[in-house]
Amino acid sequence: MGSRNHEISKSIDRLRSNNEAFIGKVKELIHQLEKKKHFYLLSYFTYSFSISHHPEQESLCFGSCHLVNKGSVPVNNPYICIKLSEKSPFTFSGKYTYEAPKQQSIKTPGGWLRMNDKSNKEEYWLKPLNVTTLLPDETVSFSNFQVKWRAEEDYAGSVMGFVYCDEIHEGAAVINPISLNGTILKTEG
C-alpha cells in the first residue's frame, strides 16, 4: 500500500509541475500579446526664442512639433492642431500648403497640408502629405514654424499643440506647450 501511495504522490507532483509550467506559459503569452498591442504616441515641441522688448523690433519663437510612435502598433492618419491663445499678439507661419498636390510625384518630402480655413489666425490644422501610417519608432515632424510678435505692451499667451489620429479621435495635448509672456517697463520722460 505504501508503494501505491508513493506512485500517486509522484503523479500528483508531476501534474502539479505540468500545471504550473502551463500556467507560466499562458501568463507569458498574455504578457507578449499585451506588449504587442501597446499604443503610445508621444508629441512634443522643440523651440528656441529671439526676444526683444523694444517696441520696434520683432520677437520670434522658432519651433517644430514632433510625433513619435513609441508603441508597438502603427498610428494611422496622424494630424495636428497648433493653437495660439485667443486675442494674443502672436502671428504664426510655417511651411504648409492649402491644396494637396494632384500627383504623388509632386509631393515634397516633409510637406504638410493645412486643413482648416486660412482666415483662421488662431488654429492651424495640419496633416503630413506623405505620411498616412506612422510605424513603431518612426517620427514625423512639422518643422521650422515661426511665431512672431512685437512687444508694444505687456503680453501673455501660449502655443498649444494637439495630436489626432484614427486611434485618438478626441485628441491629445503635446507634453510641453509653449508659454510666452513679457512685461514692458515704461520709462518716463
Protein backbone atom coordinates (compact mmCIF):
# COMPACT_ATOMS: atom_id res chain seq x y z
CA MET A 1 0.00 0.00 0.00
CA GLY A 2 2.97 2.34 0.69
CA SER A 3 4.31 1.91 -2.83
CA ARG A 4 0.89 2.73 -4.31
CA ASN A 5 0.66 5.95 -2.22
CA HIS A 6 4.18 6.83 -3.34
CA GLU A 7 3.18 6.44 -7.05
CA ILE A 8 0.02 8.51 -6.54
CA SER A 9 2.07 11.21 -4.77
CA LYS A 10 4.58 11.22 -7.68
CA SER A 11 1.74 11.50 -10.20
CA ILE A 12 0.21 14.40 -8.30
CA ASP A 13 3.61 16.16 -8.15
CA ARG A 14 4.07 15.66 -11.92
CA LEU A 15 0.57 17.02 -12.62
CA ARG A 16 1.19 19.98 -10.31
CA SER A 17 4.53 20.69 -12.02
CA ASN A 18 2.98 20.41 -15.52
CA ASN A 19 0.10 22.65 -14.43
CA GLU A 20 2.49 25.30 -13.08
CA ALA A 21 4.55 25.18 -16.30
CA PHE A 22 1.36 25.51 -18.38
CA ILE A 23 0.11 28.48 -16.31
CA GLY A 24 3.55 30.10 -16.66
CA LYS A 25 3.42 29.73 -20.47
CA VAL A 26 -0.11 31.18 -20.60
CA LYS A 27 0.96 34.17 -18.48
CA GLU A 28 3.96 34.78 -20.74
CA LEU A 29 1.79 34.60 -23.89
CA ILE A 30 -0.70 37.05 -22.37
CA HIS A 31 2.15 39.41 -21.49
CA GLN A 32 3.52 39.18 -25.04
CA LEU A 33 0.08 39.89 -26.51
CA GLU A 34 -0.35 42.93 -24.28
CA LYS A 35 3.12 44.13 -25.23
CA LYS A 36 2.45 43.65 -28.94
CA LYS A 37 -0.69 45.80 -28.84
CA HIS A 38 0.85 48.68 -26.92
CA PHE A 39 -0.23 52.10 -28.30
CA TYR A 40 1.83 55.14 -27.32
CA LEU A 41 2.10 58.29 -29.42
CA LEU A 42 4.45 60.91 -27.97
CA SER A 43 4.00 64.51 -29.16
CA TYR A 44 6.13 67.47 -28.15
CA PHE A 45 7.56 70.83 -29.25
CA THR A 46 11.17 71.82 -29.66
CA TYR A 47 11.74 75.56 -29.85
CA SER A 48 14.07 78.50 -29.39
CA PHE A 49 13.50 82.22 -28.92
CA SER A 50 14.84 85.50 -30.19
CA ILE A 51 13.16 88.05 -27.92
CA SER A 52 13.30 91.82 -27.99
CA HIS A 53 11.32 94.05 -25.68
CA HIS A 54 11.89 97.07 -27.88
CA PRO A 55 8.52 98.00 -29.44
CA GLU A 56 10.02 98.49 -32.90
CA GLN A 57 11.71 95.09 -33.03
CA GLU A 58 10.10 91.75 -33.66
CA SER A 59 10.39 88.80 -31.29
CA LEU A 60 10.41 85.25 -32.64
CA CYS A 61 9.80 81.72 -31.47
CA PHE A 62 11.20 79.10 -33.86
CA GLY A 63 9.66 75.69 -33.30
CA SER A 64 8.86 72.21 -34.50
CA CYS A 65 6.11 69.80 -33.48
CA HIS A 66 7.17 66.14 -33.34
CA LEU A 67 5.04 62.99 -33.30
CA VAL A 68 6.88 59.82 -32.26
CA ASN A 69 5.30 56.37 -32.30
CA LYS A 70 6.74 54.85 -29.11
CA GLY A 71 4.22 51.98 -29.15
CA SER A 72 4.29 48.65 -30.90
CA VAL A 73 1.35 49.20 -33.27
CA PRO A 74 1.03 51.59 -36.23
CA VAL A 75 -0.53 55.05 -35.84
CA ASN A 76 -2.94 55.76 -38.70
CA ASN A 77 -3.69 59.12 -40.33
CA PRO A 78 -1.90 61.43 -37.87
CA TYR A 79 -2.57 65.16 -37.91
CA ILE A 80 -2.04 68.08 -35.56
CA CYS A 81 -3.65 71.29 -34.42
CA ILE A 82 -1.41 74.18 -33.39
CA LYS A 83 -3.43 76.74 -31.49
CA LEU A 84 -2.44 80.27 -30.49
CA SER A 85 -4.03 81.97 -27.49
CA GLU A 86 -7.14 83.95 -28.30
CA LYS A 87 -6.52 87.69 -28.80
CA SER A 88 -2.76 87.30 -28.41
CA PRO A 89 -0.32 89.50 -30.34
CA PHE A 90 1.20 86.41 -32.00
CA THR A 91 1.23 85.55 -35.69
CA PHE A 92 2.02 82.06 -36.95
CA SER A 93 3.77 80.95 -40.10
CA GLY A 94 5.14 77.68 -41.34
CA LYS A 95 5.75 75.51 -44.38
CA TYR A 96 2.37 74.16 -45.43
CA THR A 97 0.12 74.20 -48.45
CA TYR A 98 -3.62 74.73 -48.80
CA GLU A 99 -4.11 72.13 -51.53
CA ALA A 100 -2.75 68.62 -51.80
CA PRO A 101 -0.72 68.12 -54.98
CA LYS A 102 -2.69 66.24 -57.64
CA GLN A 103 0.14 63.81 -58.42
CA GLN A 104 2.04 61.73 -55.88
CA SER A 105 5.36 62.56 -57.61
CA ILE A 106 4.87 66.30 -56.98
CA LYS A 107 4.61 65.89 -53.20
CA THR A 108 7.60 67.21 -51.38
CA PRO A 109 9.16 65.25 -48.53
CA GLY A 110 8.18 66.74 -45.20
CA GLY A 111 5.25 68.65 -46.75
CA TRP A 112 2.14 69.46 -44.72
CA LEU A 113 -1.42 70.38 -45.73
CA ARG A 114 -3.46 72.97 -43.83
CA MET A 115 -6.97 71.54 -43.48
CA ASN A 116 -8.88 74.48 -41.98
CA ASP A 117 -9.84 77.90 -43.33
CA LYS A 118 -6.84 80.16 -43.95
CA SER A 119 -8.71 83.13 -42.43
CA ASN A 120 -8.48 81.43 -39.00
CA LYS A 121 -5.42 83.01 -37.35
CA GLU A 122 -5.63 81.06 -34.08
CA GLU A 123 -5.89 77.40 -35.16
CA TYR A 124 -3.76 75.60 -37.70
CA TRP A 125 -4.99 72.08 -38.52
CA LEU A 126 -2.20 70.31 -40.37
CA LYS A 127 -1.57 66.84 -41.73
CA PRO A 128 1.56 65.41 -43.33
CA LEU A 129 1.27 64.95 -47.10
CA ASN A 130 3.40 61.82 -47.34
CA VAL A 131 2.61 60.04 -44.08
CA THR A 132 -0.62 58.12 -43.58
CA THR A 133 0.86 55.49 -41.25
CA LEU A 134 3.46 56.06 -38.56
CA LEU A 135 5.13 52.74 -37.79
CA PRO A 136 6.64 51.90 -34.38
CA ASP A 137 9.76 54.00 -33.66
CA GLU A 138 9.03 56.36 -36.57
CA THR A 139 8.78 60.15 -36.22
CA VAL A 140 7.03 62.78 -38.28
CA SER A 141 7.69 66.49 -37.63
CA PHE A 142 6.11 69.77 -38.63
CA SER A 143 9.41 71.63 -38.71
CA ASN A 144 10.52 75.24 -38.57
CA PHE A 145 7.33 77.11 -37.81
CA GLN A 146 7.59 80.68 -36.52
CA VAL A 147 5.55 82.64 -34.01
CA LYS A 148 6.17 86.41 -34.25
CA TRP A 149 5.12 89.36 -32.11
CA ARG A 150 6.08 92.92 -31.20
CA ALA A 151 6.37 93.88 -27.55
CA GLU A 152 4.42 97.13 -27.70
CA GLU A 153 2.72 96.36 -24.39
CA ASP A 154 2.64 93.54 -21.82
CA TYR A 155 1.79 90.24 -23.45
CA ALA A 156 0.88 86.73 -22.39
CA GLY A 157 -0.21 83.69 -24.31
CA SER A 158 0.66 80.22 -25.38
CA VAL A 159 1.18 77.95 -28.34
CA MET A 160 -0.72 74.72 -27.73
CA GLY A 161 -0.38 71.56 -29.75
CA PHE A 162 -2.80 68.67 -30.12
CA VAL A 163 -2.35 65.40 -31.97
CA TYR A 164 -5.10 63.34 -33.57
CA CYS A 165 -5.21 60.05 -35.46
CA ASP A 166 -7.61 57.19 -36.14
CA GLU A 167 -6.74 55.83 -32.70
CA ILE A 168 -7.15 59.19 -30.85
CA HIS A 169 -10.31 60.89 -32.15
CA GLU A 170 -10.63 63.21 -29.14
CA GLY A 171 -7.04 64.44 -29.45
CA ALA A 172 -4.14 64.51 -27.02
CA ALA A 173 -2.12 67.58 -25.99
CA VAL A 174 1.62 67.86 -26.60
CA ILE A 175 3.59 67.31 -23.42
CA ASN A 176 5.16 70.79 -23.42
CA PRO A 177 3.03 73.72 -24.63
CA ILE A 178 4.94 76.94 -25.27
CA SER A 179 4.21 79.78 -22.87
CA LEU A 180 5.08 83.32 -23.96
CA ASN A 181 4.75 86.32 -21.68
CA GLY A 182 6.56 89.54 -21.02
CA THR A 183 6.25 92.79 -19.12
CA ILE A 184 7.23 96.03 -20.76
CA LEU A 185 8.77 98.55 -18.40
CA LYS A 186 7.53 102.04 -19.11
CA THR A 187 10.10 104.78 -18.74
CA GLU A 188 9.07 108.32 -18.02
CA GLY A 189 10.50 111.18 -19.78
